[in-house]
């Protein structure tokens, strides 16, 4: 199921809604109201309702949203029906942590290969994921129909790795380095800079500290 021109931020929030809904469902609750979802994610109920209207879903005024039904709908929008395969490039502490964290979290997203240049890591298996030399990227990615790449290498190596991944036919990249990357328009790039995020938190922590003195 594909909805044209769905805003990037809405897609991001849909993932967060699904995670929140799964948590609520685990408590054996079958229906939920927009204000309950909003409270969990620190956003407004209006935002929740707007996002769900964009995907054509409306709840029952008396009962709220059917949790199982909404989880299924979000899955149809976000997930690929056949599932998507992921590769991690860079098997340092961050790369290993990413593999461990993502493993088993989503049935439609599977990390099935890792790449590095360290001979001590190559031909080993980490949390069920085999590690290969970066020189094997093109063959392994094409053979296994991998469509998503996660970059967790030292920042100076990121542009070369990104270029190599694009040449293999990768359609989406998640960059965990602070190095800005340039990719063709047919490759979706998400860049996550941990330092920037931490500095943002630090700014608001300072602001709150000054406000409540």
C-alpha atoms as a PDB file:
ATOM      1  CA  UNK A   1       0.000   0.000   0.000  1.00  0.00           C
ATOM      2  CA  UNK A   2       1.520   3.310  -1.078  1.00  0.00           C
ATOM      3  CA  UNK A   3       0.174   6.771  -0.257  1.00  0.00           C
ATOM      4  CA  UNK A   4       1.567   9.446  -2.563  1.00  0.00           C
ATOM      5  CA  UNK A   5       3.181  12.550  -1.045  1.00  0.00           C
ATOM      6  CA  UNK A   6       2.978  11.389   2.547  1.00  0.00           C
ATOM      7  CA  UNK A   7       5.137  13.892   4.523  1.00  0.00           C
ATOM      8  CA  UNK A   8       8.441  12.541   5.836  1.00  0.00           C
ATOM      9  CA  UNK A   9       7.586  13.593   9.395  1.00  0.00           C
ATOM     10  CA  UNK A  10       4.262  11.762   9.173  1.00  0.00           C
ATOM     11  CA  UNK A  11       6.051   8.565   8.095  1.00  0.00           C
ATOM     12  CA  UNK A  12       8.386   8.989  11.065  1.00  0.00           C
ATOM     13  CA  UNK A  13       5.450   9.449  13.439  1.00  0.00           C
ATOM     14  CA  UNK A  14       3.591   6.448  11.972  1.00  0.00           C
ATOM     15  CA  UNK A  15       6.525   4.281  13.053  1.00  0.00           C
ATOM     16  CA  UNK A  16       6.314   5.816  16.527  1.00  0.00           C
ATOM     17  CA  UNK A  17       2.537   5.258  16.622  1.00  0.00           C
ATOM     18  CA  UNK A  18       2.989   1.597  15.783  1.00  0.00           C
ATOM     19  CA  UNK A  19       5.566   1.172  18.530  1.00  0.00           C
ATOM     20  CA  UNK A  20       3.235   2.868  21.031  1.00  0.00           C
ATOM     21  CA  UNK A  21       0.251   0.806  19.866  1.00  0.00           C
ATOM     22  CA  UNK A  22       2.195  -2.441  20.265  1.00  0.00           C
ATOM     23  CA  UNK A  23       3.036  -1.442  23.835  1.00  0.00           C
ATOM     24  CA  UNK A  24      -0.640  -0.694  24.570  1.00  0.00           C
ATOM     25  CA  UNK A  25      -1.742  -3.952  22.923  1.00  0.00           C
ATOM     26  CA  UNK A  26       0.642  -5.908  25.138  1.00  0.00           C
ATOM     27  CA  UNK A  27      -1.474  -4.727  28.090  1.00  0.00           C
ATOM     28  CA  UNK A  28      -4.483  -6.443  26.478  1.00  0.00           C
ATOM     29  CA  UNK A  29      -6.203  -3.189  25.589  1.00  0.00           C
ATOM     30  CA  UNK A  30      -8.145  -3.266  22.305  1.00  0.00           C
ATOM     31  CA  UNK A  31      -8.969   0.416  21.709  1.00  0.00           C
ATOM     32  CA  UNK A  32      -7.149   3.695  22.274  1.00  0.00           C
ATOM     33  CA  UNK A  33      -7.915   7.406  21.947  1.00  0.00           C
ATOM     34  CA  UNK A  34      -5.745   9.996  20.199  1.00  0.00           C
ATOM     35  CA  UNK A  35      -4.926  11.757  23.470  1.00  0.00           C
ATOM     36  CA  UNK A  36      -3.512   8.514  24.910  1.00  0.00           C
ATOM     37  CA  UNK A  37      -1.167   8.031  21.929  1.00  0.00           C
ATOM     38  CA  UNK A  38      -0.233  11.726  22.046  1.00  0.00           C
ATOM     39  CA  UNK A  39       0.635  11.540  25.736  1.00  0.00           C
ATOM     40  CA  UNK A  40       3.017   8.634  25.146  1.00  0.00           C
ATOM     41  CA  UNK A  41       4.834  10.455  22.329  1.00  0.00           C
ATOM     42  CA  UNK A  42       4.735  13.980  23.804  1.00  0.00           C
ATOM     43  CA  UNK A  43       2.781  15.455  20.897  1.00  0.00           C
ATOM     44  CA  UNK A  44      -0.742  16.840  20.557  1.00  0.00           C
ATOM     45  CA  UNK A  45      -3.899  14.768  19.974  1.00  0.00           C
ATOM     46  CA  UNK A  46      -4.602  17.038  16.996  1.00  0.00           C
ATOM     47  CA  UNK A  47      -1.333  15.926  15.390  1.00  0.00           C
ATOM     48  CA  UNK A  48      -2.218  12.270  15.895  1.00  0.00           C
ATOM     49  CA  UNK A  49      -5.653  12.748  14.327  1.00  0.00           C
ATOM     50  CA  UNK A  50      -4.208  14.688  11.376  1.00  0.00           C
ATOM     51  CA  UNK A  51      -1.643  11.989  10.630  1.00  0.00           C
ATOM     52  CA  UNK A  52      -4.219   9.221  10.797  1.00  0.00           C
ATOM     53  CA  UNK A  53      -6.592  11.175   8.575  1.00  0.00           C
ATOM     54  CA  UNK A  54      -3.789  11.388   5.994  1.00  0.00           C
ATOM     55  CA  UNK A  55      -3.729   7.593   5.806  1.00  0.00           C
ATOM     56  CA  UNK A  56      -7.506   7.425   5.640  1.00  0.00           C
ATOM     57  CA  UNK A  57      -8.154   6.117   9.128  1.00  0.00           C
ATOM     58  CA  UNK A  58     -10.695   7.427  11.627  1.00  0.00           C
ATOM     59  CA  UNK A  59     -11.674   6.054  14.978  1.00  0.00           C
ATOM     60  CA  UNK A  60     -14.940   5.493  16.778  1.00  0.00           C
ATOM     61  CA  UNK A  61     -16.043   8.505  18.847  1.00  0.00           C
ATOM     62  CA  UNK A  62     -17.089   6.243  21.717  1.00  0.00           C
ATOM     63  CA  UNK A  63     -14.348   3.591  21.631  1.00  0.00           C
ATOM     64  CA  UNK A  64     -11.437   5.356  19.942  1.00  0.00           C
ATOM     65  CA  UNK A  65      -9.113   3.588  17.492  1.00  0.00           C
ATOM     66  CA  UNK A  66      -9.108  -0.168  17.025  1.00  0.00           C
ATOM     67  CA  UNK A  67      -5.475  -0.955  17.965  1.00  0.00           C
ATOM     68  CA  UNK A  68      -5.008  -4.167  15.964  1.00  0.00           C
ATOM     69  CA  UNK A  69      -6.655  -2.633  12.894  1.00  0.00           C
ATOM     70  CA  UNK A  70      -4.474   0.483  13.078  1.00  0.00           C
ATOM     71  CA  UNK A  71      -1.258  -1.536  13.573  1.00  0.00           C
ATOM     72  CA  UNK A  72      -2.148  -3.572  10.495  1.00  0.00           C
ATOM     73  CA  UNK A  73      -2.857  -0.464   8.409  1.00  0.00           C
ATOM     74  CA  UNK A  74       0.404   1.229   9.430  1.00  0.00           C
ATOM     75  CA  UNK A  75       2.245  -1.982   8.557  1.00  0.00           C
ATOM     76  CA  UNK A  76       0.711  -1.997   5.069  1.00  0.00           C
ATOM     77  CA  UNK A  77       1.880   1.590   4.528  1.00  0.00           C
ATOM     78  CA  UNK A  78       5.391   1.419   5.998  1.00  0.00           C
ATOM     79  CA  UNK A  79       6.442  -2.155   5.335  1.00  0.00           C
ATOM     80  CA  UNK A  80       7.215  -3.882   2.060  1.00  0.00           C
ATOM     81  CA  UNK A  81       4.942  -6.872   1.527  1.00  0.00           C
ATOM     82  CA  UNK A  82       7.915  -9.147   0.819  1.00  0.00           C
ATOM     83  CA  UNK A  83      10.095  -7.581   3.491  1.00  0.00           C
ATOM     84  CA  UNK A  84      13.362  -5.694   3.009  1.00  0.00           C
ATOM     85  CA  UNK A  85      16.921  -6.741   3.639  1.00  0.00           C
ATOM     86  CA  UNK A  86      19.538  -4.555   5.278  1.00  0.00           C
ATOM     87  CA  UNK A  87      23.347  -4.433   5.368  1.00  0.00           C
ATOM     88  CA  UNK A  88      25.525  -2.711   7.962  1.00  0.00           C
ATOM     89  CA  UNK A  89      28.879  -1.304   6.876  1.00  0.00           C
ATOM     90  CA  UNK A  90      31.295  -0.852   9.754  1.00  0.00           C
ATOM     91  CA  UNK A  91      31.380  -3.433  12.532  1.00  0.00           C
ATOM     92  CA  UNK A  92      32.813  -1.393  15.366  1.00  0.00           C
ATOM     93  CA  UNK A  93      30.939  -0.916  18.643  1.00  0.00           C
ATOM     94  CA  UNK A  94      28.196   1.109  16.938  1.00  0.00           C
ATOM     95  CA  UNK A  95      27.702  -1.360  14.083  1.00  0.00           C
ATOM     96  CA  UNK A  96      27.462  -4.294  16.488  1.00  0.00           C
ATOM     97  CA  UNK A  97      25.024  -2.382  18.693  1.00  0.00           C
ATOM     98  CA  UNK A  98      22.807  -1.602  15.685  1.00  0.00           C
ATOM     99  CA  UNK A  99      22.662  -5.284  14.709  1.00  0.00           C
ATOM    100  CA  UNK A 100      21.798  -6.346  18.263  1.00  0.00           C
ATOM    101  CA  UNK A 101      19.175  -3.628  18.681  1.00  0.00           C
ATOM    102  CA  UNK A 102      17.335  -4.195  15.405  1.00  0.00           C
ATOM    103  CA  UNK A 103      17.403  -8.000  15.518  1.00  0.00           C
ATOM    104  CA  UNK A 104      13.864  -9.336  15.838  1.00  0.00           C
ATOM    105  CA  UNK A 105      12.252  -5.914  16.234  1.00  0.00           C
ATOM    106  CA  UNK A 106      10.461  -5.942  12.863  1.00  0.00           C
ATOM    107  CA  UNK A 107       9.538  -9.002  10.812  1.00  0.00           C
ATOM    108  CA  UNK A 108       9.720  -7.045   7.554  1.00  0.00           C
ATOM    109  CA  UNK A 109      13.236  -5.670   8.146  1.00  0.00           C
ATOM    110  CA  UNK A 110      16.177  -8.069   8.428  1.00  0.00           C
ATOM    111  CA  UNK A 111      19.887  -7.308   8.724  1.00  0.00           C
ATOM    112  CA  UNK A 112      21.474 -10.155   6.810  1.00  0.00           C
ATOM    113  CA  UNK A 113      25.021  -8.943   6.089  1.00  0.00           C
ATOM    114  CA  UNK A 114      27.751  -6.792   7.582  1.00  0.00           C
ATOM    115  CA  UNK A 115      30.947  -5.436   6.005  1.00  0.00           C
ATOM    116  CA  UNK A 116      34.279  -4.326   7.427  1.00  0.00           C
ATOM    117  CA  UNK A 117      37.974  -4.156   6.523  1.00  0.00           C
ATOM    118  CA  UNK A 118      39.329  -5.601   9.773  1.00  0.00           C
ATOM    119  CA  UNK A 119      40.561  -9.169   9.058  1.00  0.00           C
ATOM    120  CA  UNK A 120      39.708 -10.164  12.636  1.00  0.00           C
ATOM    121  CA  UNK A 121      36.016  -9.436  11.981  1.00  0.00           C
ATOM    122  CA  UNK A 122      35.681 -10.833   8.456  1.00  0.00           C
ATOM    123  CA  UNK A 123      34.212 -14.337   8.076  1.00  0.00           C
ATOM    124  CA  UNK A 124      32.765 -14.174  11.576  1.00  0.00           C
ATOM    125  CA  UNK A 125      29.109 -14.103  12.610  1.00  0.00           C
ATOM    126  CA  UNK A 126      27.684 -11.462  14.952  1.00  0.00           C
ATOM    127  CA  UNK A 127      24.186 -12.057  16.337  1.00  0.00           C
ATOM    128  CA  UNK A 128      23.442 -14.281  13.361  1.00  0.00           C
ATOM    129  CA  UNK A 129      24.813 -11.784  10.803  1.00  0.00           C
ATOM    130  CA  UNK A 130      27.831 -12.774   8.712  1.00  0.00           C
ATOM    131  CA  UNK A 131      30.596 -10.214   8.202  1.00  0.00           C
ATOM    132  CA  UNK A 132      32.316  -9.863   4.809  1.00  0.00           C
ATOM    133  CA  UNK A 133      35.123  -7.702   3.461  1.00  0.00           C
ATOM    134  CA  UNK A 134      33.905  -4.419   1.955  1.00  0.00           C
ATOM    135  CA  UNK A 135      35.352  -5.545  -1.383  1.00  0.00           C
ATOM    136  CA  UNK A 136      32.573  -8.147  -1.495  1.00  0.00           C
ATOM    137  CA  UNK A 137      29.757  -5.617  -1.078  1.00  0.00           C
ATOM    138  CA  UNK A 138      28.618  -5.557  -4.675  1.00  0.00           C
ATOM    139  CA  UNK A 139      28.345  -9.341  -4.984  1.00  0.00           C
ATOM    140  CA  UNK A 140      26.793  -9.986  -1.569  1.00  0.00           C
ATOM    141  CA  UNK A 141      24.260  -7.151  -1.816  1.00  0.00           C
ATOM    142  CA  UNK A 142      23.106  -8.175  -5.288  1.00  0.00           C
ATOM    143  CA  UNK A 143      23.010 -11.894  -4.484  1.00  0.00           C
ATOM    144  CA  UNK A 144      20.867 -11.289  -1.397  1.00  0.00           C
ATOM    145  CA  UNK A 145      18.653  -8.548  -2.839  1.00  0.00           C
ATOM    146  CA  UNK A 146      19.625  -6.081  -0.115  1.00  0.00           C
ATOM    147  CA  UNK A 147      17.928  -2.703  -0.560  1.00  0.00           C
ATOM    148  CA  UNK A 148      18.966  -0.751   2.558  1.00  0.00           C
ATOM    149  CA  UNK A 149      22.431   0.155   3.817  1.00  0.00           C
ATOM    150  CA  UNK A 150      23.424   1.411   7.266  1.00  0.00           C
ATOM    151  CA  UNK A 151      26.715   3.320   7.407  1.00  0.00           C
ATOM    152  CA  UNK A 152      28.563   3.064  10.735  1.00  0.00           C
ATOM    153  CA  UNK A 153      32.152   3.648   9.620  1.00  0.00           C
ATOM    154  CA  UNK A 154      34.573   6.439  10.641  1.00  0.00           C
ATOM    155  CA  UNK A 155      33.232   9.693   9.165  1.00  0.00           C
ATOM    156  CA  UNK A 156      36.086  10.209   6.702  1.00  0.00           C
ATOM    157  CA  UNK A 157      35.234   6.886   5.049  1.00  0.00           C
ATOM    158  CA  UNK A 158      31.489   7.579   4.765  1.00  0.00           C
ATOM    159  CA  UNK A 159      31.424   9.266   1.299  1.00  0.00           C
ATOM    160  CA  UNK A 160      33.373   6.411  -0.326  1.00  0.00           C
ATOM    161  CA  UNK A 161      31.183   3.788   1.337  1.00  0.00           C
ATOM    162  CA  UNK A 162      28.001   5.618   0.348  1.00  0.00           C
ATOM    163  CA  UNK A 163      29.149   5.811  -3.275  1.00  0.00           C
ATOM    164  CA  UNK A 164      29.998   2.102  -3.265  1.00  0.00           C
ATOM    165  CA  UNK A 165      26.592   1.225  -1.793  1.00  0.00           C
ATOM    166  CA  UNK A 166      24.760   3.317  -4.388  1.00  0.00           C
ATOM    167  CA  UNK A 167      26.631   1.481  -7.154  1.00  0.00           C
ATOM    168  CA  UNK A 168      25.381  -1.849  -5.774  1.00  0.00           C
ATOM    169  CA  UNK A 169      21.779  -0.734  -6.309  1.00  0.00           C
ATOM    170  CA  UNK A 170      20.905   0.203  -2.721  1.00  0.00           C
ATOM    171  CA  UNK A 171      17.690   2.265  -2.566  1.00  0.00           C
ATOM    172  CA  UNK A 172      17.913   3.635   0.972  1.00  0.00           C
ATOM    173  CA  UNK A 173      20.746   4.729   3.272  1.00  0.00           C
ATOM    174  CA  UNK A 174      20.893   5.447   6.990  1.00  0.00           C
ATOM    175  CA  UNK A 175      24.040   7.410   7.789  1.00  0.00           C
ATOM    176  CA  UNK A 176      25.220   7.297  11.416  1.00  0.00           C
ATOM    177  CA  UNK A 177      28.288   9.469  10.780  1.00  0.00           C
ATOM    178  CA  UNK A 178      28.420  13.285  11.106  1.00  0.00           C
ATOM    179  CA  UNK A 179      29.706  13.512   7.515  1.00  0.00           C
ATOM    180  CA  UNK A 180      27.013  14.943   5.174  1.00  0.00           C
ATOM    181  CA  UNK A 181      26.540  12.728   2.130  1.00  0.00           C
ATOM    182  CA  UNK A 182      25.401  13.349  -1.425  1.00  0.00           C
ATOM    183  CA  UNK A 183      23.406  10.607  -3.127  1.00  0.00           C
ATOM    184  CA  UNK A 184      21.307  10.434  -6.310  1.00  0.00           C
ATOM    185  CA  UNK A 185      17.617  11.409  -6.029  1.00  0.00           C
ATOM    186  CA  UNK A 186      16.534   7.788  -6.442  1.00  0.00           C
ATOM    187  CA  UNK A 187      18.280   6.860  -3.165  1.00  0.00           C
ATOM    188  CA  UNK A 188      16.572   7.958   0.053  1.00  0.00           C
ATOM    189  CA  UNK A 189      19.074   9.237   2.629  1.00  0.00           C
ATOM    190  CA  UNK A 190      18.442   9.601   6.347  1.00  0.00           C
ATOM    191  CA  UNK A 191      21.279  11.149   8.341  1.00  0.00           C
ATOM    192  CA  UNK A 192      21.500  10.744  12.086  1.00  0.00           C
ATOM    193  CA  UNK A 193      24.154  12.807  13.830  1.00  0.00           C
ATOM    194  CA  UNK A 194      24.416  11.757  17.472  1.00  0.00           C
ATOM    195  CA  UNK A 195      26.475  14.834  18.431  1.00  0.00           C
ATOM    196  CA  UNK A 196      23.882  17.227  16.981  1.00  0.00           C
ATOM    197  CA  UNK A 197      21.104  15.398  18.819  1.00  0.00           C
ATOM    198  CA  UNK A 198      23.051  15.493  22.075  1.00  0.00           C
ATOM    199  CA  UNK A 199      23.817  19.204  21.653  1.00  0.00           C
ATOM    200  CA  UNK A 200      20.115  19.861  21.044  1.00  0.00           C
ATOM    201  CA  UNK A 201      19.282  18.078  24.295  1.00  0.00           C
ATOM    202  CA  UNK A 202      22.057  20.010  26.058  1.00  0.00           C
ATOM    203  CA  UNK A 203      20.663  23.327  24.782  1.00  0.00           C
ATOM    204  CA  UNK A 204      17.177  22.629  26.138  1.00  0.00           C
ATOM    205  CA  UNK A 205      18.564  21.206  29.379  1.00  0.00           C
ATOM    206  CA  UNK A 206      20.508  24.441  29.864  1.00  0.00           C
ATOM    207  CA  UNK A 207      17.414  26.473  29.012  1.00  0.00           C
ATOM    208  CA  UNK A 208      15.305  24.574  31.540  1.00  0.00           C
ATOM    209  CA  UNK A 209      18.027  24.807  34.157  1.00  0.00           C
ATOM    210  CA  UNK A 210      18.143  28.596  33.769  1.00  0.00           C
ATOM    211  CA  UNK A 211      14.339  28.867  33.718  1.00  0.00           C
ATOM    212  CA  UNK A 212      13.800  27.042  37.005  1.00  0.00           C
ATOM    213  CA  UNK A 213      16.637  28.549  39.031  1.00  0.00           C
END
